[in-house]
Amino acid sequence: MLSRLALLQGLSLAMLGAVFPYLALELKALGVTGLALTFAMTATPAMRLFLGPAWGVASDKTQGSPLILLLAAGSALVGCLALLGLPPSLALLGVLALGIGRTGSGPLVDGLTLRALGSQQDRYGRVRMWGSVGFLVAAFGAGLARDKGISPLWFGLAAGIGMVLVVLTIPRPPAPTKAPAKLGPALKKLGTDPAFVLLLVASAFHFAGHAVYDSFFSVHLDTQGFDSVWVGVAVTLGVGVEVGVLACGSWLLKRVGARKLLIGAMLLAIPRWLISASATSLFFTVGAQAVHGVTFGAFWIAAVALIGERAPKHLRTSGLGLLSAAVGGVGSGLGNLGGSLIVDSGMDTHRLFWLSSVLAVAASLAAAGCLVAARQPAPALEEEAAH
């Protein structure tokens, strides 16, 4: 089961790596500009605000049924097909279908992984690292292909087909022996936990800076006169380090702890973005992105571990859905909106990373508040939700 989940992690993030770093360039090539481009780049984050938690609740209510993931993977696959096959005037329909699927794929695969791990939650990083490998291979390959005139969307399409095929091999969970827990009251109470709320706030600001990088680094390199292949080089550096961080995730959580890991990753993002904002040479512009392996990899395993601390088992996928909404909804939306405004206004694209620097400072302050609040025990939700 874990091998199939590792493959799912790889395929899910391969679609992300193949499509989203180049989506702005692909849409511009289709003639999507101005407000339409801004809408397209913020549609998925906006949907994730609502659909991320909804996918998570649906999974928890069905006790991790892979059919929910099949719906999400199928929608993303349809989105890639639409972007490749529909006329440019209907490109936004493809973006919407792709976004609907992507809002669920991440938290649903993570939720299935944590369910399969059971009490060995600290091994999550070793499974999740294959997602980073998939992202790396797809992003680098898509960059090379794009320089040769081949759309990265073909890579996304292949990954989507692979996801659907793998999900079809995952057995359904056994029938429940008791009635499913009522999620609504427990989720409301979880929302009153200051540590949980501040974790979501910190995660949103932290990822907003990364969203600027993910969506507009290719545009930045293009305006600087560098080839698209250097996007792949930057991704390779960052994700290569990330794979190592995730592989050592169990050791890091035991030796450093989730809380210190979280604040460390967020503080490290500040110099990363400051270097990116001031660099003019290819060496420093691309080289600074090697830190991504820590600023995202360490952040993610820490955030998932903290979700496990603050949310009980029957709410874990819902908690991951809320984390997805904070990261991929609020954070990605904020980063994509700010980045789109900078790019569309014709400003120097170095300002993209000045924006990321400010967001990183805000994230670090919120994370500090989260760590203070986390000294208090998580609210008792298990018994209350189970009746």
Protein backbone atom coordinates (compact mmCIF):
# COMPACT_ATOMS: atom_id res chain seq x y z
CA MET A 1 0.00 0.00 0.00
CA LEU A 2 2.77 2.45 0.92
CA SER A 3 4.51 1.86 -2.41
CA ARG A 4 1.32 2.81 -4.26
CA LEU A 5 0.92 5.90 -2.09
CA ALA A 6 4.54 6.87 -2.81
CA LEU A 7 3.78 6.53 -6.53
CA LEU A 8 0.63 8.62 -6.07
CA GLN A 9 2.68 11.31 -4.30
CA GLY A 10 5.09 11.30 -7.24
CA LEU A 11 2.39 11.54 -9.91
CA SER A 12 0.34 14.13 -8.05
CA LEU A 13 3.27 16.48 -7.63
CA ALA A 14 4.58 15.68 -11.12
CA MET A 15 1.39 17.24 -12.49
CA LEU A 16 1.97 20.26 -10.26
CA GLY A 17 5.61 20.59 -11.32
CA ALA A 18 4.90 20.16 -15.02
CA VAL A 19 2.02 22.61 -15.26
CA PHE A 20 2.01 25.37 -12.68
CA PRO A 21 5.56 26.82 -13.00
CA TYR A 22 4.82 27.38 -16.70
CA LEU A 23 1.08 28.09 -16.58
CA ALA A 24 1.44 31.86 -16.81
CA LEU A 25 3.69 31.54 -19.87
CA GLU A 26 1.36 28.96 -21.48
CA LEU A 27 -1.68 31.15 -20.95
CA LYS A 28 0.12 34.21 -22.30
CA ALA A 29 1.04 32.16 -25.37
CA LEU A 30 -2.66 31.38 -25.81
CA GLY A 31 -3.43 35.11 -25.71
CA VAL A 32 -4.71 35.24 -22.14
CA THR A 33 -3.54 38.57 -20.70
CA GLY A 34 -4.65 41.37 -18.38
CA LEU A 35 -7.55 40.68 -16.02
CA ALA A 36 -8.17 37.29 -17.63
CA LEU A 37 -4.61 36.21 -16.76
CA THR A 38 -5.00 37.54 -13.21
CA PHE A 39 -8.26 35.60 -12.87
CA ALA A 40 -6.68 32.43 -14.24
CA MET A 41 -3.70 32.64 -11.87
CA THR A 42 -5.88 33.28 -8.82
CA ALA A 43 -8.76 30.89 -9.67
CA THR A 44 -7.18 27.77 -8.18
CA PRO A 45 -6.13 29.49 -4.91
CA ALA A 46 -9.62 30.99 -4.59
CA MET A 47 -11.28 27.61 -5.09
CA ARG A 48 -8.90 25.97 -2.63
CA LEU A 49 -10.31 28.19 0.13
CA PHE A 50 -13.59 26.29 -0.08
CA LEU A 51 -12.86 23.09 -1.96
CA GLY A 52 -9.71 22.15 0.00
CA PRO A 53 -11.63 21.73 3.27
CA ALA A 54 -14.60 20.24 1.39
CA TRP A 55 -12.44 17.51 -0.18
CA GLY A 56 -10.96 16.78 3.26
CA VAL A 57 -14.35 16.54 4.99
CA ALA A 58 -15.64 14.28 2.19
CA SER A 59 -12.66 11.98 2.71
CA ASP A 60 -13.10 11.87 6.49
CA LYS A 61 -16.83 11.20 6.16
CA THR A 62 -16.12 8.24 3.88
CA GLN A 63 -13.23 7.15 6.13
CA GLY A 64 -10.61 7.65 3.43
CA SER A 65 -12.40 6.20 0.40
CA PRO A 66 -10.10 6.42 -2.68
CA LEU A 67 -13.18 7.25 -4.79
CA ILE A 68 -12.95 10.83 -3.51
CA LEU A 69 -9.36 11.05 -4.77
CA LEU A 70 -10.47 9.51 -8.09
CA LEU A 71 -12.92 12.39 -8.57
CA ALA A 72 -10.19 14.95 -7.87
CA ALA A 73 -7.63 13.28 -10.14
CA GLY A 74 -10.22 12.93 -12.91
CA SER A 75 -11.09 16.62 -12.77
CA ALA A 76 -7.42 17.64 -13.02
CA LEU A 77 -6.99 15.29 -15.96
CA VAL A 78 -10.00 16.84 -17.74
CA GLY A 79 -8.50 20.28 -17.12
CA CYS A 80 -5.25 19.38 -18.88
CA LEU A 81 -7.19 17.87 -21.78
CA ALA A 82 -9.28 21.03 -22.08
CA LEU A 83 -6.26 23.34 -22.11
CA LEU A 84 -4.67 21.23 -24.83
CA GLY A 85 -7.81 20.69 -26.91
CA LEU A 86 -10.14 23.65 -26.48
CA PRO A 87 -9.73 26.91 -28.43
CA PRO A 88 -7.87 29.72 -26.58
CA SER A 89 -11.15 31.57 -25.94
CA LEU A 90 -12.21 28.69 -23.65
CA ALA A 91 -8.86 28.28 -21.88
CA LEU A 92 -10.30 29.47 -18.58
CA LEU A 93 -12.64 26.46 -18.51
CA GLY A 94 -9.61 24.21 -18.53
CA VAL A 95 -8.01 26.25 -15.75
CA LEU A 96 -11.15 25.85 -13.63
CA ALA A 97 -11.35 22.06 -14.13
CA LEU A 98 -7.63 21.74 -13.41
CA GLY A 99 -8.00 23.86 -10.28
CA ILE A 100 -10.96 21.87 -8.95
CA GLY A 101 -8.92 18.68 -9.20
CA ARG A 102 -5.72 20.12 -7.80
CA THR A 103 -7.46 21.54 -4.71
CA GLY A 104 -8.21 18.00 -3.61
CA SER A 105 -5.32 15.91 -4.88
CA GLY A 106 -2.69 17.13 -2.40
CA PRO A 107 -4.58 16.84 0.91
CA LEU A 108 -6.34 13.64 -0.18
CA VAL A 109 -3.08 11.85 -1.04
CA ASP A 110 -1.55 13.11 2.21
CA GLY A 111 -4.62 11.98 4.16
CA LEU A 112 -4.47 8.49 2.66
CA THR A 113 -0.74 8.36 3.46
CA LEU A 114 -1.25 9.28 7.12
CA ARG A 115 -4.07 6.74 7.44
CA ALA A 116 -1.81 4.02 6.02
CA LEU A 117 1.05 4.96 8.36
CA GLY A 118 -1.12 4.62 11.45
CA SER A 119 1.00 5.20 14.56
CA GLN A 120 4.19 5.73 12.49
CA GLN A 121 3.34 9.29 11.50
CA ASP A 122 6.99 10.36 11.64
CA ARG A 123 7.63 8.22 8.51
CA TYR A 124 5.45 10.57 6.45
CA GLY A 125 8.50 12.38 5.06
CA ARG A 126 9.91 9.18 3.52
CA VAL A 127 6.69 8.68 1.53
CA ARG A 128 6.21 12.36 0.72
CA MET A 129 9.75 12.68 -0.65
CA TRP A 130 8.66 10.73 -3.74
CA GLY A 131 6.27 13.56 -4.45
CA SER A 132 9.24 15.91 -4.49
CA VAL A 133 11.08 13.56 -6.84
CA GLY A 134 8.08 13.57 -9.18
CA PHE A 135 7.89 17.35 -9.04
CA LEU A 136 11.60 17.67 -9.81
CA VAL A 137 11.60 15.31 -12.78
CA ALA A 138 8.44 16.81 -14.29
CA ALA A 139 9.44 20.46 -13.82
CA PHE A 140 12.90 19.92 -15.26
CA GLY A 141 11.63 17.81 -18.16
CA ALA A 142 8.83 20.25 -18.91
CA GLY A 143 11.30 23.16 -19.00
CA LEU A 144 13.50 21.35 -21.50
CA ALA A 145 10.47 20.39 -23.58
CA ARG A 146 9.09 23.92 -23.61
CA ASP A 147 12.35 25.26 -25.02
CA LYS A 148 11.85 22.77 -27.88
CA GLY A 149 8.26 23.91 -28.49
CA ILE A 150 6.48 21.12 -26.59
CA SER A 151 3.80 22.24 -24.13
CA PRO A 152 4.35 21.27 -20.47
CA LEU A 153 0.64 20.43 -20.38
CA TRP A 154 1.45 17.11 -22.08
CA PHE A 155 3.51 16.15 -19.02
CA GLY A 156 0.59 17.11 -16.79
CA LEU A 157 -1.75 15.01 -18.89
CA ALA A 158 0.49 11.94 -18.58
CA ALA A 159 0.75 12.40 -14.80
CA GLY A 160 -3.03 12.74 -14.54
CA ILE A 161 -3.62 9.52 -16.46
CA GLY A 162 -1.12 7.76 -14.20
CA MET A 163 -2.88 9.05 -11.07
CA VAL A 164 -6.26 7.76 -12.22
CA LEU A 165 -4.81 4.33 -13.01
CA VAL A 166 -3.07 4.03 -9.63
CA VAL A 167 -6.11 5.20 -7.66
CA LEU A 168 -8.17 2.47 -9.33
CA THR A 169 -5.84 -0.14 -7.77
CA ILE A 170 -6.30 1.11 -4.19
CA PRO A 171 -8.81 -1.01 -2.25
CA ARG A 172 -11.74 0.65 -0.55
CA PRO A 173 -11.49 0.87 3.26
CA PRO A 174 -13.41 -1.78 5.24
CA ALA A 175 -16.98 -0.95 6.20
CA PRO A 176 -17.11 1.02 9.47
CA THR A 177 -18.07 -0.92 12.58
CA LYS A 178 -19.67 2.16 14.14
CA ALA A 179 -21.31 5.32 12.90
CA PRO A 180 -18.90 7.96 11.55
CA ALA A 181 -18.06 10.75 13.97
CA LYS A 182 -19.91 14.02 13.60
CA LEU A 183 -17.31 16.35 12.13
CA GLY A 184 -19.09 19.70 12.24
CA PRO A 185 -18.99 20.43 16.01
CA ALA A 186 -15.42 19.13 16.33
CA LEU A 187 -14.19 21.24 13.40
CA LYS A 188 -15.80 24.34 14.93
CA LYS A 189 -14.05 23.69 18.22
CA LEU A 190 -10.76 23.03 16.45
CA GLY A 191 -11.15 26.48 14.90
CA THR A 192 -11.04 28.01 18.40
CA ASP A 193 -7.59 26.52 19.11
CA PRO A 194 -5.18 29.53 18.91
CA ALA A 195 -2.18 27.35 18.02
CA PHE A 196 -4.06 25.71 15.13
CA VAL A 197 -5.35 29.04 13.81
CA LEU A 198 -1.94 30.73 14.05
CA LEU A 199 -0.35 27.73 12.30
CA LEU A 200 -2.75 28.31 9.39
CA VAL A 201 -2.01 32.05 9.35
CA ALA A 202 1.77 31.50 9.42
CA SER A 203 1.50 28.84 6.71
CA ALA A 204 -0.54 31.16 4.49
CA PHE A 205 1.98 34.00 4.67
CA HIS A 206 4.93 31.64 4.31
CA PHE A 207 3.56 29.95 1.22
CA ALA A 208 2.46 33.25 -0.33
CA GLY A 209 6.12 34.09 -0.88
CA HIS A 210 6.70 30.66 -2.37
CA ALA A 211 3.65 31.08 -4.63
CA VAL A 212 5.25 34.19 -6.13
CA TYR A 213 8.30 32.07 -6.91
CA ASP A 214 6.36 29.06 -8.19
CA SER A 215 4.18 31.06 -10.58
CA PHE A 216 6.44 33.87 -11.72
CA PHE A 217 10.05 32.71 -11.49
CA SER A 218 9.82 31.60 -15.13
CA VAL A 219 8.54 35.07 -16.05
CA HIS A 220 11.36 36.69 -14.06
CA LEU A 221 14.01 34.63 -15.84
CA ASP A 222 12.37 35.37 -19.20
CA THR A 223 12.48 39.13 -18.61
CA GLN A 224 16.13 38.80 -17.59
CA GLY A 225 16.89 37.07 -20.90
CA PHE A 226 17.56 33.58 -19.51
CA ASP A 227 16.25 30.34 -21.06
CA SER A 228 13.37 28.36 -19.54
CA VAL A 229 15.74 25.47 -18.82
CA TRP A 230 17.09 27.49 -15.87
CA VAL A 231 13.68 27.19 -14.22
CA GLY A 232 14.31 23.45 -14.24
CA VAL A 233 17.82 23.94 -12.84
CA ALA A 234 16.45 26.05 -9.97
CA VAL A 235 13.76 23.47 -9.26
CA THR A 236 16.36 20.68 -9.36
CA LEU A 237 18.54 22.45 -6.81
CA GLY A 238 15.67 23.22 -4.46
CA VAL A 239 13.81 19.95 -4.73
CA GLY A 240 17.04 17.94 -4.60
CA VAL A 241 17.69 19.41 -1.16
CA GLU A 242 14.01 18.95 -0.30
CA VAL A 243 14.18 15.21 -1.00
CA GLY A 244 17.06 14.93 1.45
CA VAL A 245 15.18 16.93 4.08
CA LEU A 246 12.06 14.80 3.69
CA ALA A 247 14.08 11.57 3.77
CA CYS A 248 15.49 12.73 7.12
CA GLY A 249 12.08 13.90 8.30
CA SER A 250 11.72 11.31 11.06
CA TRP A 251 15.17 12.13 12.44
CA LEU A 252 14.53 15.90 12.24
CA LEU A 253 11.21 15.64 14.04
CA LYS A 254 12.80 13.59 16.83
CA ARG A 255 16.00 15.65 17.21
CA VAL A 256 14.82 19.17 16.39
CA GLY A 257 11.08 18.96 16.95
CA ALA A 258 8.21 20.16 14.78
CA ARG A 259 7.98 23.57 16.44
CA LYS A 260 11.63 24.56 16.05
CA LEU A 261 11.62 23.16 12.52
CA LEU A 262 8.64 25.33 11.61
CA ILE A 263 10.09 28.62 12.84
CA GLY A 264 13.54 27.79 11.43
CA ALA A 265 12.16 27.17 7.94
CA MET A 266 10.21 30.43 8.02
CA LEU A 267 13.14 32.52 9.25
CA LEU A 268 15.40 31.04 6.55
CA ALA A 269 12.96 32.20 3.86
CA ILE A 270 13.76 35.85 4.63
CA PRO A 271 17.39 35.81 3.37
CA ARG A 272 16.36 33.56 0.46
CA TRP A 273 13.93 36.17 -0.87
CA LEU A 274 16.23 39.10 -0.11
CA ILE A 275 18.99 37.51 -2.19
CA SER A 276 16.50 36.76 -4.99
CA ALA A 277 15.27 40.35 -4.92
CA SER A 278 18.73 41.91 -5.19
CA ALA A 279 20.51 39.37 -7.45
CA THR A 280 21.24 40.31 -11.06
CA SER A 281 23.52 37.42 -12.02
CA LEU A 282 22.21 34.02 -13.10
CA PHE A 283 24.43 32.33 -10.50
CA PHE A 284 22.83 34.04 -7.49
CA THR A 285 19.32 34.19 -8.98
CA VAL A 286 19.22 30.43 -9.53
CA GLY A 287 21.57 29.40 -6.71
CA ALA A 288 19.45 31.03 -4.00
CA GLN A 289 16.63 28.65 -4.83
CA ALA A 290 18.57 25.69 -3.41
CA VAL A 291 17.30 26.90 -0.01
CA HIS A 292 13.80 25.91 -1.15
CA GLY A 293 14.57 22.40 0.06
CA VAL A 294 14.53 23.70 3.63
CA THR A 295 12.10 26.61 3.44
CA PHE A 296 9.44 24.34 1.98
CA GLY A 297 10.51 20.77 2.84
CA ALA A 298 11.16 21.38 6.54
CA PHE A 299 8.12 23.65 6.79
CA TRP A 300 5.82 21.03 5.29
CA ILE A 301 6.81 18.08 7.49
CA ALA A 302 6.64 20.38 10.55
CA ALA A 303 3.20 21.69 9.59
CA VAL A 304 1.82 18.19 8.94
CA ALA A 305 3.24 17.00 12.27
CA LEU A 306 1.66 19.93 14.09
CA ILE A 307 -1.69 19.20 12.43
CA GLY A 308 -1.34 15.69 13.84
CA GLU A 309 -0.69 17.14 17.30
CA ARG A 310 -3.65 19.53 17.31
CA ALA A 311 -6.26 17.48 15.38
CA PRO A 312 -7.48 13.98 16.35
CA LYS A 313 -7.30 11.07 13.93
CA HIS A 314 -10.86 11.33 12.61
CA LEU A 315 -10.27 15.00 11.72
CA ARG A 316 -6.79 14.63 10.26
CA THR A 317 -7.69 14.85 6.56
CA SER A 318 -10.04 17.73 7.35
CA GLY A 319 -7.15 19.43 9.15
CA LEU A 320 -4.95 18.84 6.11
CA GLY A 321 -7.73 20.28 3.96
CA LEU A 322 -7.72 23.42 6.09
CA LEU A 323 -3.92 23.58 5.81
CA SER A 324 -4.34 23.23 2.04
CA ALA A 325 -6.86 26.09 2.09
CA ALA A 326 -4.47 28.27 4.07
CA VAL A 327 -1.43 27.39 1.94
CA GLY A 328 -2.89 26.89 -1.51
CA GLY A 329 -5.91 29.14 -1.03
CA VAL A 330 -5.07 32.23 1.02
CA GLY A 331 -1.30 32.00 0.58
CA SER A 332 -1.23 31.09 -3.07
CA GLY A 333 -4.00 33.58 -3.85
CA LEU A 334 -2.16 36.40 -2.09
CA GLY A 335 1.11 35.55 -3.82
CA ASN A 336 -0.43 35.12 -7.25
CA LEU A 337 -2.48 38.30 -6.97
CA GLY A 338 0.53 40.36 -5.89
CA GLY A 339 2.73 38.75 -8.52
CA SER A 340 0.17 39.27 -11.28
CA LEU A 341 -0.18 42.94 -10.42
CA ILE A 342 3.59 43.43 -10.50
CA VAL A 343 3.98 41.60 -13.83
CA ASP A 344 0.94 43.19 -15.51
CA SER A 345 2.01 46.71 -14.46
CA GLY A 346 5.38 46.24 -16.18
CA MET A 347 7.36 46.73 -12.96
CA ASP A 348 10.87 45.34 -12.57
CA THR A 349 10.30 41.68 -11.73
CA HIS A 350 12.85 41.89 -8.91
CA ARG A 351 9.96 43.43 -6.97
CA LEU A 352 8.33 40.02 -6.95
CA PHE A 353 10.85 38.87 -4.38
CA TRP A 354 10.75 42.06 -2.33
CA LEU A 355 7.09 41.15 -1.88
CA SER A 356 8.10 37.61 -0.87
CA SER A 357 10.51 39.04 1.72
CA VAL A 358 7.75 41.05 3.40
CA LEU A 359 5.49 37.99 3.43
CA ALA A 360 8.26 35.90 5.02
CA VAL A 361 8.62 38.38 7.89
CA ALA A 362 4.85 38.25 8.51
CA ALA A 363 4.98 34.43 8.47
CA SER A 364 7.78 34.33 11.03
CA LEU A 365 5.87 36.60 13.41
CA ALA A 366 2.72 34.45 13.15
CA ALA A 367 4.79 31.28 13.65
CA ALA A 368 6.28 32.72 16.83
CA GLY A 369 2.74 33.30 18.11
CA CYS A 370 1.82 29.73 17.14
CA LEU A 371 4.71 28.30 19.14
CA VAL A 372 3.69 30.27 22.23
CA ALA A 373 0.07 29.13 21.90
CA ALA A 374 1.15 25.51 21.29
CA ARG A 375 2.46 25.30 24.86
CA GLN A 376 -1.17 24.82 25.86
CA PRO A 377 -2.66 21.35 25.22
CA ALA A 378 -4.89 20.82 22.20
CA PRO A 379 -8.65 20.92 22.88
CA ALA A 380 -10.28 17.57 23.70
CA LEU A 381 -12.22 16.71 20.55
CA GLU A 382 -12.19 12.91 20.25
CA GLU A 383 -14.92 12.01 22.71
CA GLU A 384 -17.09 14.98 21.86
CA ALA A 385 -16.99 14.24 18.13
CA ALA A 386 -17.62 10.52 18.50
CA HIS A 387 -21.11 10.83 20.01
